[in-house]
Amino acid sequence: QHCLVSAGVQIILLCHYRSRGRERYATSDTTAEEFAAAAPCTTSTEWAMSFGVWCLNPSVVFRCLSEVARSVLLASGTLSPLDTFSGELGLSFHVKLEAPHVVDMHRQVMARVVSHGPDGRQLCATFKEADKLDYQDSLGRLVLEIVTVVPDGVLLFLPSYMLMDKLTARWKVRT
């Protein structure tokens, strides 16, 4: 069978460079100034460019898989609510089992958005700002302050793996 891929497709021009073991990426919606500012002007830099077609709609692929599969079993602790997940996949599931949540949301979870670091610096994780060391240090101080007072751990969400790697590398150097 052939699958027609039409909805949810995005064409991406991806540029990246590798310098001193670090990689940086810029997509077609990154401005030329942002990318040029992130790229060092050294002879040890390796540039590469690729063209890709990315399918950002999971239902396109999942529909093809479900047509040839006898059964589909999805098990996870994070697929709730199932109706929303079913809608994203473009299918209705005839049999569903959804167990109650084991976390007491009132006693064990506190979600907050923090806009400023302890030094008063605005925390804005844009491509341009995330490269600035004062941003990385301010965010690091904030995380350190939070984890020292919150018992039993903290779950920190960041907008990308690239930023996570960048922050981890910076914070390891600072300790």
Protein backbone atom coordinates (compact mmCIF):
# COMPACT_ATOMS: atom_id res chain seq x y z
CA GLN A 1 0.00 0.00 0.00
CA HIS A 2 1.07 3.54 -0.65
CA CYS A 3 0.57 6.33 1.83
CA LEU A 4 -0.24 9.78 0.57
CA VAL A 5 1.64 12.35 2.63
CA SER A 6 0.10 15.76 2.21
CA ALA A 7 -1.25 17.31 5.40
CA GLY A 8 1.18 18.35 8.10
CA VAL A 9 4.27 18.45 5.90
CA GLN A 10 6.80 21.23 6.36
CA ILE A 11 9.81 21.85 4.16
CA ILE A 12 12.88 22.79 6.17
CA LEU A 13 16.27 24.13 5.15
CA LEU A 14 18.58 23.19 8.01
CA CYS A 15 22.04 24.73 8.38
CA HIS A 16 24.45 23.64 11.04
CA TYR A 17 28.08 24.01 11.93
CA ARG A 18 30.40 22.08 14.15
CA SER A 19 33.15 23.89 15.98
CA ARG A 20 35.32 22.49 18.76
CA GLY A 21 32.97 19.53 19.26
CA ARG A 22 29.81 21.67 19.59
CA GLU A 23 27.00 21.76 17.07
CA ARG A 24 24.60 24.61 16.38
CA TYR A 25 21.51 24.47 14.20
CA ALA A 26 19.44 27.06 12.43
CA THR A 27 16.26 26.44 10.48
CA SER A 28 14.72 28.41 7.64
CA ASP A 29 12.89 30.66 10.12
CA THR A 30 16.11 31.69 11.92
CA THR A 31 17.23 35.12 10.78
CA ALA A 32 20.56 35.46 9.01
CA GLU A 33 21.79 37.80 11.75
CA GLU A 34 20.99 35.26 14.50
CA PHE A 35 22.77 32.47 12.66
CA ALA A 36 25.80 34.59 11.77
CA ALA A 37 26.10 35.76 15.37
CA ALA A 38 26.06 32.16 16.60
CA ALA A 39 28.71 30.98 14.16
CA PRO A 40 32.35 31.57 15.08
CA CYS A 41 34.67 33.00 12.44
CA THR A 42 37.41 30.38 12.67
CA THR A 43 38.99 28.05 10.19
CA SER A 44 38.19 25.03 12.39
CA THR A 45 34.47 25.35 11.68
CA GLU A 46 32.77 22.75 9.51
CA TRP A 47 29.60 23.91 7.76
CA ALA A 48 26.88 21.65 6.42
CA MET A 49 23.49 22.28 4.91
CA SER A 50 20.66 19.83 4.38
CA PHE A 51 17.21 19.98 2.89
CA GLY A 52 14.46 18.03 4.57
CA VAL A 53 10.78 17.34 4.37
CA TRP A 54 9.40 16.83 7.87
CA CYS A 55 5.98 15.39 8.60
CA LEU A 56 4.68 17.18 11.68
CA ASN A 57 1.31 15.45 11.69
CA PRO A 58 1.50 12.01 13.39
CA SER A 59 -1.85 10.93 11.95
CA VAL A 60 -0.37 10.78 8.44
CA VAL A 61 2.04 7.99 9.36
CA PHE A 62 -0.08 6.34 12.04
CA ARG A 63 -3.03 5.93 9.67
CA CYS A 64 -0.82 3.92 7.31
CA LEU A 65 0.44 1.73 10.15
CA SER A 66 -3.02 1.06 11.55
CA GLU A 67 -4.32 -0.08 8.16
CA VAL A 68 -1.87 -3.00 8.05
CA ALA A 69 -1.78 -3.86 11.77
CA ARG A 70 -4.21 -6.31 13.35
CA SER A 71 -3.94 -4.65 16.76
CA VAL A 72 -2.41 -1.47 18.09
CA LEU A 73 -1.45 -1.31 21.75
CA LEU A 74 -0.35 2.02 23.18
CA ALA A 75 0.88 2.04 26.77
CA SER A 76 2.29 5.05 28.53
CA GLY A 77 1.90 7.13 31.64
CA THR A 78 1.68 10.33 29.61
CA LEU A 79 -0.96 9.69 26.94
CA SER A 80 -3.81 11.11 29.00
CA PRO A 81 -6.37 12.29 28.07
CA LEU A 82 -6.83 9.52 25.55
CA ASP A 83 -9.46 11.40 23.52
CA THR A 84 -6.96 14.15 22.73
CA PHE A 85 -4.27 11.62 21.87
CA SER A 86 -6.69 9.66 19.69
CA GLY A 87 -7.54 12.88 17.84
CA GLU A 88 -3.87 13.64 17.21
CA LEU A 89 -3.42 10.20 15.66
CA GLY A 90 -6.58 10.57 13.58
CA LEU A 91 -8.12 7.32 14.83
CA SER A 92 -10.77 6.21 17.24
CA PHE A 93 -9.83 3.36 19.54
CA HIS A 94 -12.62 0.84 20.19
CA VAL A 95 -11.14 -0.43 23.46
CA LYS A 96 -9.56 1.97 25.94
CA LEU A 97 -8.28 1.55 29.47
CA GLU A 98 -7.30 4.67 31.33
CA ALA A 99 -6.30 4.26 34.97
CA PRO A 100 -6.64 7.04 37.54
CA HIS A 101 -3.59 9.20 38.13
CA VAL A 102 -1.31 8.10 40.98
CA VAL A 103 -0.03 11.59 41.73
CA ASP A 104 -1.98 13.76 44.16
CA MET A 105 -2.08 16.94 42.08
CA HIS A 106 -2.89 19.17 45.07
CA ARG A 107 -0.10 17.91 47.35
CA GLN A 108 2.65 16.74 44.98
CA VAL A 109 2.58 19.09 42.00
CA MET A 110 3.17 22.81 41.76
CA ALA A 111 3.59 24.28 38.30
CA ARG A 112 4.94 27.79 37.84
CA VAL A 113 6.29 29.91 35.03
CA VAL A 114 9.25 32.00 36.16
CA SER A 115 9.98 35.04 34.01
CA HIS A 116 13.00 36.52 35.84
CA GLY A 117 16.13 35.12 37.43
CA PRO A 118 17.32 35.87 40.97
CA ASP A 119 19.38 38.77 39.61
CA GLY A 120 16.28 40.34 38.02
CA ARG A 121 17.32 39.38 34.47
CA GLN A 122 14.41 38.50 32.19
CA LEU A 123 14.55 34.82 31.22
CA CYS A 124 13.68 34.57 27.54
CA ALA A 125 14.96 31.40 25.83
CA THR A 126 15.13 32.72 22.28
CA PHE A 127 17.89 31.55 19.95
CA LYS A 128 19.77 34.84 20.40
CA GLU A 129 19.31 35.15 24.18
CA ALA A 130 20.11 31.51 25.04
CA ASP A 131 23.68 31.95 23.76
CA LYS A 132 24.38 34.76 26.22
CA LEU A 133 26.35 33.62 29.25
CA ASP A 134 24.52 35.98 31.61
CA TYR A 135 21.22 34.33 30.59
CA GLN A 136 22.67 30.85 31.19
CA ASP A 137 24.13 31.87 34.55
CA SER A 138 20.93 33.57 35.72
CA LEU A 139 18.86 30.52 34.82
CA GLY A 140 21.42 28.30 36.55
CA ARG A 141 21.22 30.34 39.76
CA LEU A 142 17.42 30.17 39.65
CA VAL A 143 17.41 26.39 39.21
CA LEU A 144 19.95 26.01 42.02
CA GLU A 145 17.83 28.13 44.37
CA ILE A 146 14.71 26.11 43.56
CA VAL A 147 16.26 22.64 43.92
CA THR A 148 17.75 23.53 47.31
CA VAL A 149 14.33 24.28 48.82
CA VAL A 150 12.00 21.86 46.99
CA PRO A 151 11.96 18.40 48.58
CA ASP A 152 11.97 15.20 46.47
CA GLY A 153 13.17 16.71 43.22
CA VAL A 154 12.26 19.13 40.44
CA LEU A 155 11.16 18.54 36.86
CA LEU A 156 12.49 21.30 34.60
CA PHE A 157 11.13 21.76 31.08
CA LEU A 158 13.31 23.43 28.46
CA PRO A 159 12.30 24.30 24.89
CA SER A 160 14.91 22.05 23.20
CA TYR A 161 17.58 19.41 23.68
CA MET A 162 20.05 21.84 22.14
CA LEU A 163 19.41 24.34 24.94
CA MET A 164 19.59 21.58 27.55
CA ASP A 165 23.01 20.50 26.25
CA LYS A 166 24.21 24.11 26.14
CA LEU A 167 23.10 24.79 29.72
CA THR A 168 24.50 21.52 31.04
CA ALA A 169 27.88 22.26 29.48
CA ARG A 170 27.91 25.81 30.92
CA TRP A 171 26.86 24.75 34.39
CA LYS A 172 29.48 21.99 34.51
CA VAL A 173 32.14 24.58 33.71
CA ARG A 174 30.83 26.93 36.43
CA THR A 175 30.87 24.32 39.22
